[in-house]
Amino acid sequence: MPKLSENSINRTLLQWILFLALSFVSTGVSAQNTKPASLKILFIGNSYTHMNSMPKLFEKIAVSKGMNVDVEMDARSSHTFEMHSKRMEMFEHIRAKQWDYVILQGFSRELAQSIPVIEEQSTPYIRQIKDSIMANNACTEILLYMTWGYKEGYRHQEHINTYEKMTDSVRRGYFHISNKFNFPIVPVGAVYKSLRGQSDINLYEGDFQHPNPRGSYLIACSFYSAIFKSTPFNAYYKDIEEEEAIELQRISSEYVLNHLHDYKLDRDVYSLKYFWTNKGKLGVKGETNFPDAKSVQWDFGDGALATEQAISHVYKRLRPVTITLTIEDDCGTRIFQDALEFNEIPEPEPDNPAEDKIRKLMRRAKKRKRFG
């Protein structure tokens, strides 16, 4: 088990080690070889957050997938950002820990208003909350929890009196805040819409606004995919049928993972993919996206180093390797490690001229349960 320095145990380490698990679907390589310290996450919102104890659902999903998380909630029903900004206990909660993530969820009708109204009635208070979070820990990642349209819209206001109108207005409001403050978005409202077009699973309580247990499970799965960049397949579920849980896992992860760039969820990431050369040598390709990095260094575990954002490296012989990526930025030193184990060797492509040689190497590794 590779060991990490203390200052490398942070949100990005956990988040993007897990991203590798997604990147390796085609090769069978897993990157879940390092278990960092607990990832600290605070949800701030209203009843859309606390209904069915959604943050606890998210925590149980994450734990069932092997993640170490510390999840807390500060939610009050029907609260807008202005109302939150007047709660001293919320600011005390923000200061209670060095949060890796703080999630901000707005009142749906609040961010469904026109941009001038949002600028007047919401933006100043979001800024106040943001400044408090940054003063407590400048490396906290703030995520916006995009909500959804009511099942039949809000009939008292013409511009949001249907589901479609309200969903579009909410989306526009969240994108405005995202662009203004450079916050990534967890696109729950868009996931709701995606499910609506694919399934007849009902996500609403009888008031046609709040999430029922299925809705809260979909929300929790969306947060899992957004934070860990991986699917919640085979994760914890309760109070819903297994078939429905699988469908909710699929729809949430497919939408989120296919739209990472659209919602600014693809920043501060790296990915690796192992491959075989035509001469039967194991190689690795890697890419990083750390916009604020002051320096990047790859250590391939065989004495070779590189400082490029995108790399390709071929090993001279098949043996245990641990790739270390070191990023220097304003949050300090971040160290990421991926250890390739013998049972994670990718299959050669069918047209690889060295296929027989590769399969012989793989059989030897399997028999010995180790490389070399």
Protein backbone atom coordinates (compact mmCIF):
# COMPACT_ATOMS: atom_id res chain seq x y z
CA MET A 1 0.00 0.00 0.00
CA PRO A 2 1.64 3.28 -1.05
CA LYS A 3 2.01 5.87 1.69
CA LEU A 4 1.14 9.51 1.24
CA SER A 5 2.57 12.56 2.94
CA GLU A 6 0.20 14.33 5.31
CA ASN A 7 -0.31 17.37 3.15
CA SER A 8 -1.35 15.19 0.22
CA ILE A 9 -4.42 13.85 1.98
CA ASN A 10 -7.04 16.18 0.62
CA ARG A 11 -10.23 16.28 -1.41
CA THR A 12 -8.54 16.12 -4.81
CA LEU A 13 -6.53 13.03 -3.94
CA LEU A 14 -9.60 11.07 -3.03
CA GLN A 15 -11.71 12.49 -5.81
CA TRP A 16 -9.30 11.78 -8.63
CA ILE A 17 -7.91 8.49 -7.52
CA LEU A 18 -11.52 7.39 -7.83
CA PHE A 19 -11.79 9.06 -11.24
CA LEU A 20 -9.23 6.57 -12.47
CA ALA A 21 -11.63 3.73 -11.76
CA LEU A 22 -13.92 5.26 -14.38
CA SER A 23 -11.09 5.90 -16.83
CA PHE A 24 -9.99 2.28 -16.61
CA VAL A 25 -13.32 0.68 -17.51
CA SER A 26 -12.00 -0.38 -20.92
CA THR A 27 -8.75 -1.81 -19.59
CA GLY A 28 -9.84 -3.34 -16.32
CA VAL A 29 -7.26 -1.31 -14.38
CA SER A 30 -8.36 -0.11 -10.95
CA ALA A 31 -6.86 2.87 -9.18
CA GLN A 32 -8.43 2.31 -5.78
CA ASN A 33 -5.16 1.29 -4.17
CA THR A 34 -4.79 4.22 -1.80
CA LYS A 35 -7.14 5.00 1.08
CA PRO A 36 -6.75 8.65 2.05
CA ALA A 37 -8.00 10.35 5.18
CA SER A 38 -11.65 11.18 5.54
CA LEU A 39 -13.10 13.54 2.95
CA LYS A 40 -15.00 16.29 4.82
CA ILE A 41 -18.23 17.40 3.15
CA LEU A 42 -20.82 19.91 4.38
CA PHE A 43 -24.27 20.25 2.77
CA ILE A 44 -25.99 23.63 3.22
CA GLY A 45 -29.55 23.85 1.96
CA ASN A 46 -33.22 23.49 2.76
CA SER A 47 -35.79 20.71 2.68
CA TYR A 48 -34.52 19.48 -0.71
CA THR A 49 -31.35 18.61 1.18
CA HIS A 50 -32.73 17.23 4.43
CA MET A 51 -35.70 15.29 2.98
CA ASN A 52 -35.12 11.57 3.53
CA SER A 53 -31.74 12.45 5.12
CA MET A 54 -30.18 12.76 1.66
CA PRO A 55 -26.65 13.60 2.90
CA LYS A 56 -26.71 10.46 5.04
CA LEU A 57 -27.81 8.49 1.96
CA PHE A 58 -24.85 9.93 0.07
CA GLU A 59 -22.55 8.97 2.93
CA LYS A 60 -23.86 5.38 2.99
CA ILE A 61 -23.44 5.09 -0.78
CA ALA A 62 -19.87 6.37 -0.53
CA VAL A 63 -18.98 4.09 2.39
CA SER A 64 -20.47 1.08 0.61
CA LYS A 65 -18.14 1.86 -2.31
CA GLY A 66 -15.10 1.94 -0.02
CA MET A 67 -14.85 5.70 0.40
CA ASN A 68 -13.88 7.32 3.70
CA VAL A 69 -16.16 10.34 4.15
CA ASP A 70 -17.22 12.67 6.95
CA VAL A 71 -20.57 14.17 5.91
CA GLU A 72 -22.55 16.81 7.79
CA MET A 73 -25.66 18.84 7.00
CA ASP A 74 -26.86 22.34 7.85
CA ALA A 75 -30.32 22.58 6.32
CA ARG A 76 -33.44 24.61 7.16
CA SER A 77 -36.77 24.24 5.37
CA SER A 78 -37.81 26.94 2.88
CA HIS A 79 -34.60 28.89 3.36
CA THR A 80 -33.20 31.19 0.69
CA PHE A 81 -29.57 32.29 0.57
CA GLU A 82 -30.55 35.55 2.27
CA MET A 83 -32.17 33.63 5.12
CA HIS A 84 -29.11 31.40 5.47
CA SER A 85 -26.87 34.47 5.61
CA LYS A 86 -28.65 35.60 8.77
CA ARG A 87 -28.05 32.31 10.62
CA MET A 88 -25.00 32.58 12.83
CA GLU A 89 -25.15 28.84 13.52
CA MET A 90 -24.52 28.19 9.81
CA PHE A 91 -21.36 30.29 9.88
CA GLU A 92 -20.28 28.48 13.05
CA HIS A 93 -20.82 25.19 11.22
CA ILE A 94 -18.68 26.41 8.34
CA ARG A 95 -15.88 27.27 10.78
CA ALA A 96 -16.17 23.94 12.61
CA LYS A 97 -13.91 21.97 10.24
CA GLN A 98 -11.53 22.34 7.32
CA TRP A 99 -14.10 21.25 4.76
CA ASP A 100 -12.98 19.69 1.50
CA TYR A 101 -16.38 20.37 -0.07
CA VAL A 102 -19.23 22.67 0.85
CA ILE A 103 -22.42 22.19 -1.16
CA LEU A 104 -24.81 25.14 -1.55
CA GLN A 105 -28.43 24.45 -2.43
CA GLY A 106 -30.75 27.32 -3.25
CA PHE A 107 -34.51 27.63 -2.97
CA SER A 108 -35.85 26.54 -6.37
CA ARG A 109 -38.08 29.56 -6.97
CA GLU A 110 -35.27 31.84 -5.81
CA LEU A 111 -32.91 30.89 -8.65
CA ALA A 112 -35.77 30.53 -11.13
CA GLN A 113 -36.21 34.31 -11.25
CA SER A 114 -34.78 36.71 -13.83
CA ILE A 115 -31.07 37.45 -13.70
CA PRO A 116 -31.59 41.03 -12.40
CA VAL A 117 -33.74 39.67 -9.55
CA ILE A 118 -31.14 37.01 -8.74
CA GLU A 119 -28.43 39.68 -8.74
CA GLU A 120 -30.41 41.76 -6.28
CA GLN A 121 -31.93 39.10 -4.03
CA SER A 122 -29.44 36.20 -4.06
CA THR A 123 -25.96 37.14 -5.27
CA PRO A 124 -24.94 39.34 -2.31
CA TYR A 125 -25.79 36.59 0.16
CA ILE A 126 -24.12 33.85 -1.85
CA ARG A 127 -21.00 36.02 -1.89
CA GLN A 128 -21.21 36.44 1.88
CA ILE A 129 -21.46 32.68 2.40
CA LYS A 130 -18.67 32.07 -0.12
CA ASP A 131 -16.37 34.53 1.62
CA SER A 132 -16.97 32.79 4.96
CA ILE A 133 -16.12 29.40 3.45
CA MET A 134 -12.95 30.71 1.81
CA ALA A 135 -11.85 32.51 4.97
CA ASN A 136 -12.12 29.23 6.84
CA ASN A 137 -10.26 27.20 4.19
CA ALA A 138 -9.16 28.71 0.88
CA CYS A 139 -8.86 25.22 -0.62
CA THR A 140 -12.48 24.22 0.00
CA GLU A 141 -14.33 23.35 -3.21
CA ILE A 142 -17.78 24.95 -3.33
CA LEU A 143 -20.33 23.02 -5.37
CA LEU A 144 -23.76 24.26 -6.39
CA TYR A 145 -26.62 21.80 -5.93
CA MET A 146 -28.86 22.50 -8.92
CA THR A 147 -32.48 21.79 -8.04
CA TRP A 148 -35.41 21.00 -10.38
CA GLY A 149 -38.77 22.18 -11.58
CA TYR A 150 -41.90 21.23 -9.70
CA LYS A 151 -43.66 18.29 -11.30
CA GLU A 152 -46.35 20.57 -12.77
CA GLY A 153 -44.52 23.89 -12.44
CA TYR A 154 -45.45 26.78 -10.15
CA ARG A 155 -48.81 28.08 -11.35
CA HIS A 156 -48.59 31.40 -9.50
CA GLN A 157 -45.84 32.74 -11.76
CA GLU A 158 -46.32 32.56 -15.53
CA HIS A 159 -42.64 32.23 -16.42
CA ILE A 160 -42.38 29.00 -14.37
CA ASN A 161 -45.95 27.65 -14.56
CA THR A 162 -44.93 24.38 -16.23
CA TYR A 163 -42.27 21.80 -15.42
CA GLU A 164 -40.34 22.65 -18.56
CA LYS A 165 -40.40 26.41 -17.95
CA MET A 166 -39.38 26.05 -14.33
CA THR A 167 -36.63 23.54 -15.06
CA ASP A 168 -35.14 25.83 -17.71
CA SER A 169 -35.37 28.87 -15.42
CA VAL A 170 -33.72 27.06 -12.51
CA ARG A 171 -30.95 25.85 -14.80
CA ARG A 172 -30.35 29.37 -16.11
CA GLY A 173 -30.16 30.74 -12.59
CA TYR A 174 -27.63 28.17 -11.44
CA PHE A 175 -25.47 28.73 -14.50
CA HIS A 176 -25.49 32.45 -13.80
CA ILE A 177 -24.22 31.88 -10.25
CA SER A 178 -21.74 29.28 -11.49
CA ASN A 179 -20.27 31.66 -14.04
CA LYS A 180 -20.21 34.59 -11.64
CA PHE A 181 -18.34 32.76 -8.86
CA ASN A 182 -16.67 30.01 -10.90
CA PHE A 183 -18.47 27.29 -8.92
CA PRO A 184 -18.94 23.81 -10.39
CA ILE A 185 -22.52 22.53 -10.48
CA VAL A 186 -23.89 19.14 -9.44
CA PRO A 187 -26.67 19.01 -12.07
CA VAL A 188 -29.39 17.26 -10.09
CA GLY A 189 -32.17 19.14 -11.88
CA ALA A 190 -30.80 18.01 -15.23
CA VAL A 191 -30.61 14.43 -13.94
CA TYR A 192 -34.28 14.70 -12.93
CA LYS A 193 -35.08 15.81 -16.46
CA SER A 194 -33.01 13.01 -17.96
CA LEU A 195 -34.87 10.41 -15.92
CA ARG A 196 -38.19 11.95 -16.86
CA GLY A 197 -37.38 11.25 -20.50
CA GLN A 198 -36.29 7.65 -19.89
CA SER A 199 -38.36 6.21 -17.06
CA ASP A 200 -41.72 6.40 -15.33
CA ILE A 201 -40.16 6.24 -11.85
CA ASN A 202 -41.81 8.96 -9.75
CA LEU A 203 -39.34 11.18 -7.88
CA TYR A 204 -41.85 13.49 -6.17
CA GLU A 205 -43.78 13.50 -2.92
CA GLY A 206 -47.51 14.22 -3.05
CA ASP A 207 -46.89 17.97 -3.10
CA PHE A 208 -45.22 17.56 -6.54
CA GLN A 209 -42.20 19.51 -5.27
CA HIS A 210 -40.16 17.62 -2.70
CA PRO A 211 -38.18 14.45 -3.44
CA ASN A 212 -39.62 11.15 -2.29
CA PRO A 213 -37.16 8.38 -1.24
CA ARG A 214 -36.44 7.59 -4.90
CA GLY A 215 -35.78 11.23 -5.65
CA SER A 216 -33.42 11.58 -2.70
CA TYR A 217 -31.60 8.41 -3.77
CA LEU A 218 -31.17 9.82 -7.28
CA ILE A 219 -29.80 13.03 -5.76
CA ALA A 220 -27.34 11.13 -3.55
CA CYS A 221 -26.16 9.05 -6.53
CA SER A 222 -25.68 12.24 -8.56
CA PHE A 223 -23.45 13.67 -5.84
CA TYR A 224 -21.46 10.45 -5.69
CA SER A 225 -20.75 10.58 -9.42
CA ALA A 226 -19.99 14.31 -9.35
CA ILE A 227 -17.53 14.14 -6.45
CA PHE A 228 -15.87 10.78 -7.09
CA LYS A 229 -16.18 10.75 -10.90
CA SER A 230 -17.31 7.16 -10.74
CA THR A 231 -20.51 5.16 -10.95
CA PRO A 232 -22.51 4.20 -7.84
CA PHE A 233 -23.21 0.73 -9.24
CA ASN A 234 -23.55 -1.97 -6.56
CA ALA A 235 -23.83 0.72 -3.90
CA TYR A 236 -26.02 0.89 -0.80
CA TYR A 237 -29.75 1.33 -1.25
CA LYS A 238 -32.72 1.09 1.09
CA ASP A 239 -36.48 1.68 1.01
CA ILE A 240 -36.64 1.25 -2.76
CA GLU A 241 -36.70 -1.80 -5.00
CA GLU A 242 -33.39 -3.14 -6.26
CA GLU A 243 -34.43 -2.77 -9.88
CA GLU A 244 -35.32 0.88 -9.30
CA ALA A 245 -32.06 1.50 -7.42
CA ILE A 246 -30.07 0.13 -10.35
CA GLU A 247 -31.98 2.34 -12.78
CA LEU A 248 -31.44 5.43 -10.61
CA GLN A 249 -27.73 4.61 -10.32
CA ARG A 250 -27.45 4.25 -14.08
CA ILE A 251 -29.31 7.37 -15.09
CA SER A 252 -27.61 9.63 -12.56
CA SER A 253 -24.08 8.45 -13.33
CA GLU A 254 -24.56 8.44 -17.10
CA TYR A 255 -25.74 12.03 -17.12
CA VAL A 256 -23.20 13.40 -14.67
CA LEU A 257 -20.18 11.59 -16.09
CA ASN A 258 -21.08 12.48 -19.66
CA HIS A 259 -21.41 16.18 -18.82
CA LEU A 260 -18.46 16.87 -16.52
CA HIS A 261 -17.12 19.67 -18.69
CA ASP A 262 -20.52 21.34 -19.06
CA TYR A 263 -20.77 21.80 -15.30
CA LYS A 264 -17.11 22.61 -14.54
CA LEU A 265 -16.66 19.24 -12.84
CA ASP A 266 -13.59 18.30 -14.89
CA ARG A 267 -11.08 20.63 -13.20
CA ASP A 268 -8.13 19.52 -11.04
CA VAL A 269 -8.17 16.02 -12.50
CA TYR A 270 -5.82 13.46 -13.90
CA SER A 271 -6.35 10.16 -15.67
CA LEU A 272 -4.19 7.18 -16.57
CA LYS A 273 -4.61 4.39 -19.09
CA TYR A 274 -2.26 1.45 -19.51
CA PHE A 275 -1.64 -0.14 -22.92
CA TRP A 276 0.55 -2.67 -24.72
CA THR A 277 2.97 -1.68 -27.48
CA ASN A 278 3.37 -3.70 -30.66
CA LYS A 279 6.61 -5.08 -29.17
CA GLY A 280 4.90 -6.44 -26.07
CA LYS A 281 5.94 -3.68 -23.68
CA LEU A 282 3.59 -2.20 -21.11
CA GLY A 283 2.99 1.52 -21.53
CA VAL A 284 0.96 4.20 -19.81
CA LYS A 285 -0.68 7.38 -21.03
CA GLY A 286 -1.68 10.14 -18.65
CA GLU A 287 -3.31 13.55 -18.77
CA THR A 288 -3.82 16.25 -16.14
CA ASN A 289 -6.10 19.25 -15.92
CA PHE A 290 -4.88 21.44 -13.06
CA PRO A 291 -5.40 25.00 -14.36
CA ASP A 292 -3.73 26.61 -11.34
CA ALA A 293 -0.76 24.25 -11.09
CA LYS A 294 2.61 25.91 -10.64
CA SER A 295 4.43 22.66 -11.39
CA VAL A 296 3.63 19.11 -12.50
CA GLN A 297 5.88 16.09 -12.06
CA TRP A 298 5.29 12.46 -13.00
CA ASP A 299 7.39 9.69 -11.45
CA PHE A 300 6.83 6.43 -13.34
CA GLY A 301 8.35 4.22 -10.67
CA ASP A 302 11.27 3.06 -12.82
CA GLY A 303 13.50 6.10 -12.50
CA ALA A 304 11.89 8.02 -15.35
CA LEU A 305 10.36 11.44 -14.73
CA ALA A 306 8.28 13.91 -16.77
CA THR A 307 6.91 17.39 -16.26
CA GLU A 308 4.39 17.62 -19.08
CA GLN A 309 0.63 17.81 -18.56
CA ALA A 310 0.12 14.91 -20.99
CA ILE A 311 2.53 11.98 -20.95
CA SER A 312 3.20 8.62 -22.57
CA HIS A 313 5.75 6.21 -21.13
CA VAL A 314 6.79 2.64 -21.95
CA TYR A 315 8.32 0.30 -19.38
CA LYS A 316 11.33 -1.78 -20.30
CA ARG A 317 10.02 -4.81 -18.41
CA LEU A 318 6.86 -5.96 -16.69
CA ARG A 319 7.16 -5.41 -12.97
CA PRO A 320 5.28 -3.78 -10.06
CA VAL A 321 4.97 -0.05 -10.70
CA THR A 322 3.61 2.85 -8.72
CA ILE A 323 3.09 6.06 -10.62
CA THR A 324 3.31 9.24 -8.55
CA LEU A 325 1.96 12.58 -9.73
CA THR A 326 3.00 15.65 -7.73
CA ILE A 327 1.15 18.93 -8.21
CA GLU A 328 2.24 22.23 -6.68
CA ASP A 329 -0.42 24.95 -6.46
CA ASP A 330 -1.75 27.56 -4.06
CA CYS A 331 -3.17 24.80 -1.85
CA GLY A 332 0.31 23.34 -1.37
CA THR A 333 1.66 20.00 -2.53
CA ARG A 334 -0.75 17.38 -3.77
CA ILE A 335 0.56 13.85 -4.23
CA PHE A 336 -1.39 11.25 -6.19
CA GLN A 337 -0.35 7.61 -6.49
CA ASP A 338 -1.53 4.68 -8.56
CA ALA A 339 -0.11 1.20 -8.03
CA LEU A 340 -0.57 -1.27 -10.87
CA GLU A 341 -1.07 -4.81 -9.59
CA PHE A 342 -0.62 -8.04 -11.53
CA ASN A 343 -4.34 -8.76 -11.85
CA GLU A 344 -4.96 -5.32 -13.33
CA ILE A 345 -2.90 -5.77 -16.48
CA PRO A 346 -4.98 -4.70 -19.51
CA GLU A 347 -5.81 -7.18 -22.25
CA PRO A 348 -3.86 -6.70 -25.50
CA GLU A 349 -5.73 -5.45 -28.53
CA PRO A 350 -6.77 -8.33 -30.85
CA ASP A 351 -4.62 -6.99 -33.71
CA ASN A 352 -1.49 -6.53 -31.58
CA PRO A 353 1.35 -8.47 -33.31
CA ALA A 354 2.86 -9.26 -29.90
CA GLU A 355 -0.36 -10.74 -28.52
CA ASP A 356 1.14 -14.20 -27.93
CA LYS A 357 4.12 -12.72 -26.08
CA ILE A 358 1.85 -10.51 -23.98
CA ARG A 359 -0.46 -13.36 -23.02
CA LYS A 360 2.54 -15.43 -22.00
CA LEU A 361 3.69 -12.61 -19.72
CA MET A 362 0.19 -12.32 -18.31
CA ARG A 363 -0.02 -16.06 -17.61
CA ARG A 364 3.28 -15.94 -15.76
CA ALA A 365 2.12 -12.96 -13.72
CA LYS A 366 -1.15 -14.69 -12.88
CA LYS A 367 0.59 -17.90 -11.88
CA ARG A 368 3.06 -16.10 -9.63
CA LYS A 369 0.47 -13.55 -8.48
CA ARG A 370 3.04 -10.88 -9.05
CA PHE A 371 4.96 -9.17 -11.82
CA GLY A 372 8.43 -10.16 -13.01
